[in-house]
């Protein structure tokens, strides 16, 4: 009887967790921005060319990550694959977009689908505001949705550091 009560308690707990996770969003956006003392064209060039990402994006600066440039495909302007030593691979595909908005689709084996959206706003004094939106589709798994609550706390500092590096590189 005790064993059945234990199993029933576990079942109830799982149902409660599942029901609570239904209240959490399955899509999360982390937004970071920076004001850069460079023209929109200069900033656009830094983002559009993956060769420049080694100057500001952390994964490109990691010695344990191999960067492989992929051939362009229809709808994709530029594409690279990041191969980690543990076998993990992430593809970054720059999708055809407007000059003031660049979209990079991030593909991996993870169930979380991510894309980067870079929005550039040109100011008359030669400055550019860059807004980086990291859009994550977490799926319906409760543990993925719980991870979404902490996405900004986990990865936000990395995005801020990348923007700081991008600002320094674009202002040269």
N, C-alpha and C. Protein backbone atom coordinates (compact mmCIF):
# COMPACT_ATOMS: atom_id res chain seq x y z
N UNK A 1 0.81 -1.18 0.00
CA UNK A 1 0.00 0.00 0.00
C UNK A 1 0.87 1.27 0.00
N UNK A 2 1.94 1.23 0.77
CA UNK A 2 2.85 2.36 0.84
C UNK A 2 3.49 2.64 -0.52
N UNK A 3 3.84 1.57 -1.20
CA UNK A 3 4.46 1.70 -2.52
C UNK A 3 3.49 2.37 -3.51
N UNK A 4 2.23 1.97 -3.49
CA UNK A 4 1.23 2.57 -4.38
C UNK A 4 1.02 4.05 -4.06
N UNK A 5 1.05 4.40 -2.80
CA UNK A 5 0.90 5.79 -2.40
C UNK A 5 2.11 6.61 -2.90
N UNK A 6 3.28 6.02 -2.81
CA UNK A 6 4.49 6.68 -3.30
C UNK A 6 4.41 6.91 -4.82
N UNK A 7 4.02 5.90 -5.56
CA UNK A 7 3.89 6.01 -7.01
C UNK A 7 2.83 7.06 -7.36
N UNK A 8 1.73 7.06 -6.66
CA UNK A 8 0.66 8.03 -6.90
C UNK A 8 1.15 9.45 -6.60
N UNK A 9 1.94 9.62 -5.55
CA UNK A 9 2.49 10.93 -5.21
C UNK A 9 3.43 11.44 -6.29
N UNK A 10 4.26 10.56 -6.80
CA UNK A 10 5.18 10.92 -7.88
C UNK A 10 4.38 11.32 -9.12
N UNK A 11 3.34 10.56 -9.43
CA UNK A 11 2.49 10.85 -10.58
C UNK A 11 1.83 12.23 -10.43
N UNK A 12 1.30 12.52 -9.28
CA UNK A 12 0.66 13.81 -9.02
C UNK A 12 1.68 14.94 -9.15
N UNK A 13 2.87 14.75 -8.62
CA UNK A 13 3.93 15.75 -8.72
C UNK A 13 4.28 16.03 -10.18
N UNK A 14 4.40 15.00 -10.99
CA UNK A 14 4.71 15.18 -12.41
C UNK A 14 3.59 15.90 -13.14
N UNK A 15 2.36 15.59 -12.81
CA UNK A 15 1.22 16.27 -13.42
C UNK A 15 1.22 17.75 -13.04
N UNK A 16 1.50 18.07 -11.78
CA UNK A 16 1.55 19.46 -11.34
C UNK A 16 2.67 20.21 -12.07
N UNK A 17 3.83 19.60 -12.20
CA UNK A 17 4.94 20.23 -12.92
C UNK A 17 4.57 20.47 -14.38
N UNK A 18 3.94 19.49 -15.00
CA UNK A 18 3.51 19.63 -16.38
C UNK A 18 2.49 20.76 -16.53
N UNK A 19 1.52 20.83 -15.63
CA UNK A 19 0.51 21.88 -15.70
C UNK A 19 1.12 23.27 -15.46
N UNK A 20 2.04 23.37 -14.51
CA UNK A 20 2.71 24.64 -14.27
C UNK A 20 3.56 25.07 -15.47
N UNK A 21 4.20 24.11 -16.12
CA UNK A 21 5.04 24.45 -17.27
C UNK A 21 4.21 24.95 -18.44
N UNK A 22 2.93 24.59 -18.47
CA UNK A 22 2.06 25.09 -19.54
C UNK A 22 1.84 26.60 -19.40
N UNK A 23 2.06 27.14 -18.23
CA UNK A 23 1.91 28.57 -18.02
C UNK A 23 3.15 29.35 -18.46
N UNK A 24 4.25 28.66 -18.64
CA UNK A 24 5.49 29.31 -19.05
C UNK A 24 5.53 29.44 -20.57
N UNK A 25 6.14 30.52 -21.08
CA UNK A 25 6.20 30.70 -22.54
C UNK A 25 7.16 29.70 -23.19
N UNK A 26 6.84 29.34 -24.43
CA UNK A 26 7.72 28.44 -25.16
C UNK A 26 8.69 29.21 -26.04
N UNK A 27 8.51 30.52 -26.13
CA UNK A 27 9.42 31.38 -26.89
C UNK A 27 9.92 32.48 -25.98
N UNK A 28 11.24 32.69 -25.98
CA UNK A 28 11.88 33.68 -25.12
C UNK A 28 12.80 34.53 -25.99
N UNK A 29 12.84 35.83 -25.71
CA UNK A 29 13.73 36.73 -26.43
C UNK A 29 14.61 37.47 -25.42
N UNK A 30 15.91 37.42 -25.67
CA UNK A 30 16.88 38.18 -24.88
C UNK A 30 17.32 39.35 -25.76
N UNK A 31 17.23 40.56 -25.23
CA UNK A 31 17.57 41.76 -26.01
C UNK A 31 18.72 42.50 -25.34
N UNK A 32 19.74 42.78 -26.12
CA UNK A 32 20.89 43.57 -25.67
C UNK A 32 21.14 44.64 -26.71
N UNK A 33 21.63 45.80 -26.29
CA UNK A 33 21.91 46.85 -27.26
C UNK A 33 23.18 47.61 -26.89
N UNK A 34 23.71 48.30 -27.89
CA UNK A 34 24.92 49.10 -27.70
C UNK A 34 24.90 50.24 -28.71
N UNK A 35 25.48 51.38 -28.33
CA UNK A 35 25.64 52.52 -29.23
C UNK A 35 27.08 52.52 -29.72
N UNK A 36 27.25 52.44 -31.04
CA UNK A 36 28.58 52.30 -31.64
C UNK A 36 28.93 53.58 -32.40
N UNK A 37 30.13 54.08 -32.20
CA UNK A 37 30.61 55.26 -32.91
C UNK A 37 31.15 54.86 -34.28
N UNK A 38 30.27 54.38 -35.13
CA UNK A 38 30.60 53.97 -36.49
C UNK A 38 29.31 54.03 -37.30
N UNK A 39 29.46 54.09 -38.61
CA UNK A 39 28.27 54.17 -39.46
C UNK A 39 27.56 52.82 -39.53
N UNK A 40 26.32 52.87 -39.95
CA UNK A 40 25.53 51.64 -40.10
C UNK A 40 26.20 50.70 -41.08
N UNK A 41 26.81 51.22 -42.13
CA UNK A 41 27.49 50.40 -43.13
C UNK A 41 28.66 49.64 -42.51
N UNK A 42 29.44 50.32 -41.66
CA UNK A 42 30.58 49.68 -41.01
C UNK A 42 30.13 48.56 -40.06
N UNK A 43 29.10 48.82 -39.29
CA UNK A 43 28.60 47.82 -38.35
C UNK A 43 27.99 46.65 -39.11
N UNK A 44 27.25 46.96 -40.16
CA UNK A 44 26.65 45.93 -41.01
C UNK A 44 27.73 45.00 -41.56
N UNK A 45 28.84 45.58 -42.01
CA UNK A 45 29.95 44.80 -42.56
C UNK A 45 30.55 43.85 -41.50
N UNK A 46 30.64 44.32 -40.26
CA UNK A 46 31.18 43.48 -39.18
C UNK A 46 30.30 42.25 -38.93
N UNK A 47 29.01 42.42 -39.05
CA UNK A 47 28.08 41.32 -38.77
C UNK A 47 27.91 40.42 -39.99
N UNK A 48 27.84 41.02 -41.16
CA UNK A 48 27.56 40.28 -42.39
C UNK A 48 28.68 39.30 -42.76
N UNK A 49 29.93 39.65 -42.46
CA UNK A 49 31.08 38.82 -42.83
C UNK A 49 31.52 37.98 -41.62
N UNK A 50 31.34 36.67 -41.71
CA UNK A 50 31.70 35.79 -40.58
C UNK A 50 33.20 35.80 -40.30
N UNK A 51 34.02 36.23 -41.25
CA UNK A 51 35.46 36.35 -40.98
C UNK A 51 35.72 37.40 -39.90
N UNK A 52 34.85 38.38 -39.79
CA UNK A 52 35.00 39.43 -38.77
C UNK A 52 34.53 38.98 -37.40
N UNK A 53 33.74 37.91 -37.35
CA UNK A 53 33.21 37.47 -36.06
C UNK A 53 34.32 37.01 -35.12
N UNK A 54 35.46 36.63 -35.66
CA UNK A 54 36.57 36.20 -34.79
C UNK A 54 37.06 37.34 -33.90
N UNK A 55 36.73 38.57 -34.29
CA UNK A 55 37.14 39.74 -33.51
C UNK A 55 36.20 40.05 -32.35
N UNK A 56 35.00 39.45 -32.36
CA UNK A 56 34.05 39.84 -31.33
C UNK A 56 33.18 38.72 -30.78
N UNK A 57 32.93 37.67 -31.53
CA UNK A 57 32.02 36.60 -31.07
C UNK A 57 32.82 35.52 -30.34
N UNK A 58 32.48 35.20 -29.09
CA UNK A 58 33.29 34.30 -28.26
C UNK A 58 33.60 32.93 -28.87
N UNK A 59 32.65 32.29 -29.52
CA UNK A 59 32.90 30.94 -30.06
C UNK A 59 33.97 30.97 -31.15
N UNK A 60 34.07 32.04 -31.90
CA UNK A 60 35.08 32.16 -32.95
C UNK A 60 36.46 32.39 -32.35
N UNK A 61 36.51 32.86 -31.11
CA UNK A 61 37.78 33.13 -30.44
C UNK A 61 38.31 31.91 -29.68
N UNK A 62 37.49 30.88 -29.53
CA UNK A 62 37.86 29.68 -28.79
C UNK A 62 38.78 28.82 -29.66
N UNK A 63 39.96 28.49 -29.15
CA UNK A 63 40.93 27.69 -29.92
C UNK A 63 40.47 26.26 -30.14
N UNK A 64 39.55 25.78 -29.31
CA UNK A 64 39.06 24.41 -29.41
C UNK A 64 37.88 24.27 -30.37
N UNK A 65 37.56 25.34 -31.08
CA UNK A 65 36.44 25.32 -32.01
C UNK A 65 36.98 25.54 -33.42
N UNK A 66 36.64 24.61 -34.32
CA UNK A 66 37.01 24.76 -35.72
C UNK A 66 35.93 25.51 -36.47
N UNK A 67 36.35 26.46 -37.30
CA UNK A 67 35.40 27.25 -38.08
C UNK A 67 35.52 26.83 -39.54
N UNK A 68 34.42 26.35 -40.10
CA UNK A 68 34.40 25.89 -41.49
C UNK A 68 33.41 26.76 -42.25
N UNK A 69 33.88 27.40 -43.32
CA UNK A 69 33.01 28.24 -44.14
C UNK A 69 32.28 27.35 -45.14
N UNK A 70 30.97 27.48 -45.17
CA UNK A 70 30.12 26.67 -46.05
C UNK A 70 29.78 27.48 -47.30
N UNK A 71 29.50 26.77 -48.41
CA UNK A 71 29.09 27.50 -49.62
C UNK A 71 27.70 28.12 -49.43
N UNK A 72 27.49 29.24 -50.11
CA UNK A 72 26.20 29.92 -50.03
C UNK A 72 25.12 29.06 -50.69
N UNK A 73 23.91 29.16 -50.16
CA UNK A 73 22.75 28.45 -50.69
C UNK A 73 21.68 29.48 -51.01
N UNK A 74 20.67 29.10 -51.76
CA UNK A 74 19.59 30.06 -52.02
C UNK A 74 18.97 30.57 -50.71
N UNK A 75 18.87 31.87 -50.57
CA UNK A 75 18.30 32.48 -49.37
C UNK A 75 19.30 32.67 -48.25
N UNK A 76 20.50 32.09 -48.40
CA UNK A 76 21.53 32.21 -47.36
C UNK A 76 22.73 32.95 -47.96
N UNK A 77 23.06 34.10 -47.37
CA UNK A 77 24.15 34.94 -47.88
C UNK A 77 25.51 34.37 -47.48
N UNK A 78 25.61 33.93 -46.25
CA UNK A 78 26.88 33.48 -45.69
C UNK A 78 26.59 32.38 -44.69
N UNK A 79 27.47 31.38 -44.60
CA UNK A 79 27.23 30.26 -43.70
C UNK A 79 28.55 29.71 -43.17
N UNK A 80 28.58 29.41 -41.87
CA UNK A 80 29.74 28.76 -41.27
C UNK A 80 29.26 27.66 -40.33
N UNK A 81 30.15 26.71 -40.10
CA UNK A 81 29.91 25.65 -39.12
C UNK A 81 30.98 25.75 -38.05
N UNK A 82 30.55 25.69 -36.80
CA UNK A 82 31.48 25.68 -35.67
C UNK A 82 31.54 24.25 -35.16
N UNK A 83 32.72 23.64 -35.23
CA UNK A 83 32.89 22.26 -34.77
C UNK A 83 33.70 22.25 -33.49
N UNK A 84 33.07 21.74 -32.44
CA UNK A 84 33.72 21.66 -31.14
C UNK A 84 34.46 20.33 -31.03
N UNK A 85 35.45 20.27 -30.13
CA UNK A 85 36.24 19.05 -29.94
C UNK A 85 35.39 17.86 -29.51
N UNK A 86 34.31 18.11 -28.79
CA UNK A 86 33.46 17.01 -28.31
C UNK A 86 32.50 16.50 -29.39
N UNK A 87 32.62 17.01 -30.62
CA UNK A 87 31.78 16.54 -31.71
C UNK A 87 30.55 17.40 -31.96
N UNK A 88 30.27 18.30 -31.05
CA UNK A 88 29.12 19.20 -31.21
C UNK A 88 29.36 20.13 -32.39
N UNK A 89 28.31 20.38 -33.17
CA UNK A 89 28.42 21.28 -34.31
C UNK A 89 27.26 22.27 -34.31
N UNK A 90 27.59 23.52 -34.59
CA UNK A 90 26.58 24.57 -34.70
C UNK A 90 26.79 25.27 -36.04
N UNK A 91 25.69 25.44 -36.78
CA UNK A 91 25.74 26.15 -38.05
C UNK A 91 25.13 27.53 -37.87
N UNK A 92 25.82 28.53 -38.41
CA UNK A 92 25.31 29.90 -38.41
C UNK A 92 25.05 30.28 -39.86
N UNK A 93 23.80 30.62 -40.17
CA UNK A 93 23.42 30.96 -41.54
C UNK A 93 22.87 32.38 -41.57
N UNK A 94 23.55 33.25 -42.30
CA UNK A 94 23.08 34.62 -42.47
C UNK A 94 22.03 34.60 -43.57
N UNK A 95 20.81 34.91 -43.19
CA UNK A 95 19.68 34.85 -44.11
C UNK A 95 19.54 36.19 -44.81
N UNK A 96 19.17 36.14 -46.09
CA UNK A 96 18.96 37.38 -46.84
C UNK A 96 17.98 38.26 -46.08
N UNK A 97 18.37 39.51 -45.90
CA UNK A 97 17.54 40.43 -45.12
C UNK A 97 17.82 41.86 -45.54
N UNK A 98 17.13 42.79 -44.91
CA UNK A 98 17.31 44.21 -45.21
C UNK A 98 18.63 44.70 -44.64
N UNK A 99 19.07 45.89 -45.09
CA UNK A 99 20.35 46.43 -44.62
C UNK A 99 20.30 46.84 -43.16
N UNK A 100 19.11 47.19 -42.65
CA UNK A 100 19.04 47.61 -41.26
C UNK A 100 18.66 46.48 -40.31
N UNK A 101 18.39 45.30 -40.84
CA UNK A 101 18.08 44.13 -40.01
C UNK A 101 18.76 42.90 -40.59
N UNK A 102 19.62 42.28 -39.80
CA UNK A 102 20.30 41.06 -40.23
C UNK A 102 19.81 39.91 -39.37
N UNK A 103 19.54 38.79 -40.00
CA UNK A 103 19.04 37.61 -39.28
C UNK A 103 20.02 36.46 -39.49
N UNK A 104 20.45 35.87 -38.39
CA UNK A 104 21.34 34.71 -38.42
C UNK A 104 20.61 33.54 -37.77
N UNK A 105 20.36 32.49 -38.55
CA UNK A 105 19.73 31.29 -38.01
C UNK A 105 20.82 30.41 -37.40
N UNK A 106 20.61 29.97 -36.17
CA UNK A 106 21.56 29.13 -35.46
C UNK A 106 20.99 27.71 -35.45
N UNK A 107 21.69 26.79 -36.09
CA UNK A 107 21.22 25.41 -36.19
C UNK A 107 22.13 24.48 -35.38
N UNK A 108 21.52 23.65 -34.56
CA UNK A 108 22.26 22.64 -33.82
C UNK A 108 21.34 21.45 -33.58
N UNK A 109 21.86 20.42 -32.94
CA UNK A 109 21.04 19.25 -32.64
C UNK A 109 20.13 19.48 -31.44
N UNK A 110 20.29 20.61 -30.78
CA UNK A 110 19.48 20.94 -29.62
C UNK A 110 18.02 21.10 -30.02
N UNK A 111 17.12 20.83 -29.08
CA UNK A 111 15.70 21.01 -29.35
C UNK A 111 15.32 22.49 -29.33
N UNK A 112 16.19 23.33 -28.79
CA UNK A 112 15.95 24.77 -28.76
C UNK A 112 16.37 25.37 -30.09
N UNK A 113 15.44 26.04 -30.74
CA UNK A 113 15.72 26.71 -32.02
C UNK A 113 16.01 28.17 -31.73
N UNK A 114 17.14 28.66 -32.25
CA UNK A 114 17.58 30.02 -31.95
C UNK A 114 17.85 30.78 -33.24
N UNK A 115 17.53 32.06 -33.23
CA UNK A 115 18.02 32.94 -34.29
C UNK A 115 18.42 34.27 -33.67
N UNK A 116 19.42 34.87 -34.31
CA UNK A 116 19.90 36.18 -33.89
C UNK A 116 19.33 37.20 -34.85
N UNK A 117 18.82 38.27 -34.30
CA UNK A 117 18.31 39.36 -35.12
C UNK A 117 19.07 40.62 -34.71
N UNK A 118 19.83 41.18 -35.66
CA UNK A 118 20.60 42.39 -35.42
C UNK A 118 19.87 43.55 -36.09
N UNK A 119 19.43 44.52 -35.30
CA UNK A 119 18.70 45.67 -35.82
C UNK A 119 19.60 46.89 -35.70
N UNK A 120 19.87 47.54 -36.84
CA UNK A 120 20.77 48.68 -36.88
C UNK A 120 19.97 49.96 -37.10
N UNK A 121 20.21 50.96 -36.26
CA UNK A 121 19.56 52.26 -36.41
C UNK A 121 20.65 53.31 -36.57
N UNK A 122 20.62 54.00 -37.70
CA UNK A 122 21.63 55.00 -38.03
C UNK A 122 21.24 56.34 -37.42
N UNK A 123 22.17 56.98 -36.72
CA UNK A 123 21.95 58.31 -36.17
C UNK A 123 22.71 59.33 -37.01
N UNK A 124 22.22 60.57 -37.08
CA UNK A 124 22.84 61.60 -37.93
C UNK A 124 24.29 61.94 -37.55
N UNK A 125 24.67 61.71 -36.31
CA UNK A 125 26.02 62.07 -35.87
C UNK A 125 27.06 60.97 -36.16
N UNK A 126 26.72 60.02 -37.03
CA UNK A 126 27.67 58.97 -37.40
C UNK A 126 27.67 57.79 -36.46
N UNK A 127 26.76 57.76 -35.51
CA UNK A 127 26.66 56.63 -34.59
C UNK A 127 25.58 55.66 -35.07
N UNK A 128 25.70 54.44 -34.59
CA UNK A 128 24.72 53.40 -34.92
C UNK A 128 24.32 52.70 -33.64
N UNK A 129 23.02 52.58 -33.45
CA UNK A 129 22.53 51.77 -32.33
C UNK A 129 22.31 50.37 -32.86
N UNK A 130 22.90 49.40 -32.17
CA UNK A 130 22.73 47.99 -32.53
C UNK A 130 21.91 47.31 -31.45
N UNK A 131 20.81 46.73 -31.85
CA UNK A 131 19.98 45.94 -30.94
C UNK A 131 20.12 44.49 -31.38
N UNK A 132 20.52 43.63 -30.45
CA UNK A 132 20.70 42.21 -30.73
C UNK A 132 19.60 41.46 -30.01
N UNK A 133 18.71 40.86 -30.80
CA UNK A 133 17.63 40.05 -30.24
C UNK A 133 18.00 38.59 -30.44
N UNK A 134 18.02 37.85 -29.36
CA UNK A 134 18.25 36.41 -29.42
C UNK A 134 16.90 35.75 -29.18
N UNK A 135 16.31 35.21 -30.24
CA UNK A 135 14.99 34.60 -30.17
C UNK A 135 15.16 33.09 -30.03
N UNK A 136 14.62 32.54 -28.96
CA UNK A 136 14.73 31.10 -28.69
C UNK A 136 13.35 30.47 -28.61
N UNK A 137 13.16 29.42 -29.40
CA UNK A 137 11.94 28.61 -29.32
C UNK A 137 12.29 27.37 -28.52
N UNK A 138 11.73 27.26 -27.35
CA UNK A 138 12.15 26.25 -26.38
C UNK A 138 11.44 24.91 -26.53
N UNK A 139 10.34 24.87 -27.25
CA UNK A 139 9.58 23.63 -27.35
C UNK A 139 8.61 23.51 -26.19
N UNK A 140 8.06 22.34 -26.02
CA UNK A 140 7.02 22.18 -24.99
C UNK A 140 7.49 21.42 -23.75
N UNK A 141 8.73 20.92 -23.76
CA UNK A 141 9.23 20.19 -22.61
C UNK A 141 9.32 21.10 -21.38
N UNK A 142 8.84 20.66 -20.24
CA UNK A 142 8.88 21.50 -19.03
C UNK A 142 10.28 21.96 -18.66
N UNK A 143 11.28 21.09 -18.78
CA UNK A 143 12.64 21.46 -18.39
C UNK A 143 13.22 22.50 -19.36
N UNK A 144 12.81 22.47 -20.62
CA UNK A 144 13.25 23.50 -21.56
C UNK A 144 12.64 24.84 -21.23
N UNK A 145 11.36 24.83 -20.89
CA UNK A 145 10.70 26.08 -20.52
C UNK A 145 11.28 26.66 -19.24
N UNK A 146 11.64 25.81 -18.29
CA UNK A 146 12.27 26.29 -17.06
C UNK A 146 13.63 26.93 -17.37
N UNK A 147 14.35 26.34 -18.32
CA UNK A 147 15.63 26.90 -18.73
C UNK A 147 15.44 28.30 -19.32
N UNK A 148 14.31 28.52 -20.00
CA UNK A 148 14.02 29.81 -20.61
C UNK A 148 13.92 30.94 -19.60
N UNK A 149 13.49 30.62 -18.40
CA UNK A 149 13.38 31.64 -17.34
C UNK A 149 14.76 32.23 -17.05
N UNK A 150 15.78 31.40 -17.11
CA UNK A 150 17.13 31.81 -16.73
C UNK A 150 18.02 32.13 -17.93
N UNK A 151 17.46 32.15 -19.14
CA UNK A 151 18.27 32.34 -20.35
C UNK A 151 19.06 33.64 -20.31
N UNK A 152 18.42 34.73 -19.89
CA UNK A 152 19.12 36.01 -19.84
C UNK A 152 20.24 35.99 -18.79
N UNK A 153 19.99 35.35 -17.67
CA UNK A 153 21.00 35.28 -16.61
C UNK A 153 22.19 34.40 -17.03
N UNK A 154 21.90 33.34 -17.79
CA UNK A 154 22.94 32.40 -18.20
C UNK A 154 23.77 32.96 -19.35
N UNK A 155 23.09 33.41 -20.41
CA UNK A 155 23.82 33.81 -21.61
C UNK A 155 23.92 35.32 -21.81
N UNK A 156 23.15 36.10 -21.06
CA UNK A 156 23.17 37.55 -21.21
C UNK A 156 24.56 38.17 -21.09
N UNK A 157 25.36 37.81 -20.08
CA UNK A 157 26.70 38.39 -19.97
C UNK A 157 27.60 38.09 -21.18
N UNK A 158 27.42 36.91 -21.79
CA UNK A 158 28.20 36.57 -22.99
C UNK A 158 27.81 37.48 -24.16
N UNK A 159 26.51 37.75 -24.30
CA UNK A 159 26.05 38.64 -25.37
C UNK A 159 26.55 40.06 -25.14
N UNK A 160 26.53 40.51 -23.88
CA UNK A 160 27.03 41.85 -23.57
C UNK A 160 28.53 41.96 -23.88
N UNK A 161 29.28 40.94 -23.55
CA UNK A 161 30.72 40.93 -23.85
C UNK A 161 30.95 40.95 -25.35
N UNK A 162 30.17 40.18 -26.09
CA UNK A 162 30.29 40.15 -27.55
C UNK A 162 29.98 41.53 -28.14
N UNK A 163 28.95 42.20 -27.62
CA UNK A 163 28.62 43.54 -28.11
C UNK A 163 29.73 44.54 -27.78
N UNK A 164 30.31 44.40 -26.61
CA UNK A 164 31.43 45.29 -26.24
C UNK A 164 32.59 45.10 -27.21
N UNK A 165 32.90 43.83 -27.53
CA UNK A 165 33.98 43.53 -28.49
C UNK A 165 33.63 44.03 -29.89
N UNK A 166 32.37 43.87 -30.29
CA UNK A 166 31.93 44.35 -31.60
C UNK A 166 32.06 45.87 -31.69
N UNK A 167 31.68 46.55 -30.64
CA UNK A 167 31.79 48.00 -30.58
C UNK A 167 33.25 48.43 -30.76
N UNK A 168 34.16 47.79 -30.03
CA UNK A 168 35.58 48.12 -30.14
C UNK A 168 36.10 47.87 -31.54
N UNK A 169 35.69 46.75 -32.14
CA UNK A 169 36.17 46.39 -33.47
C UNK A 169 35.63 47.34 -34.53
N UNK A 170 34.36 47.69 -34.45
CA UNK A 170 33.73 48.56 -35.45
C UNK A 170 34.24 49.99 -35.35
N UNK A 171 34.67 50.41 -34.18
CA UNK A 171 35.13 51.78 -33.98
C UNK A 171 36.59 51.98 -34.39
N UNK A 172 37.28 50.92 -34.76
CA UNK A 172 38.69 51.04 -35.18
C UNK A 172 38.82 51.82 -36.47
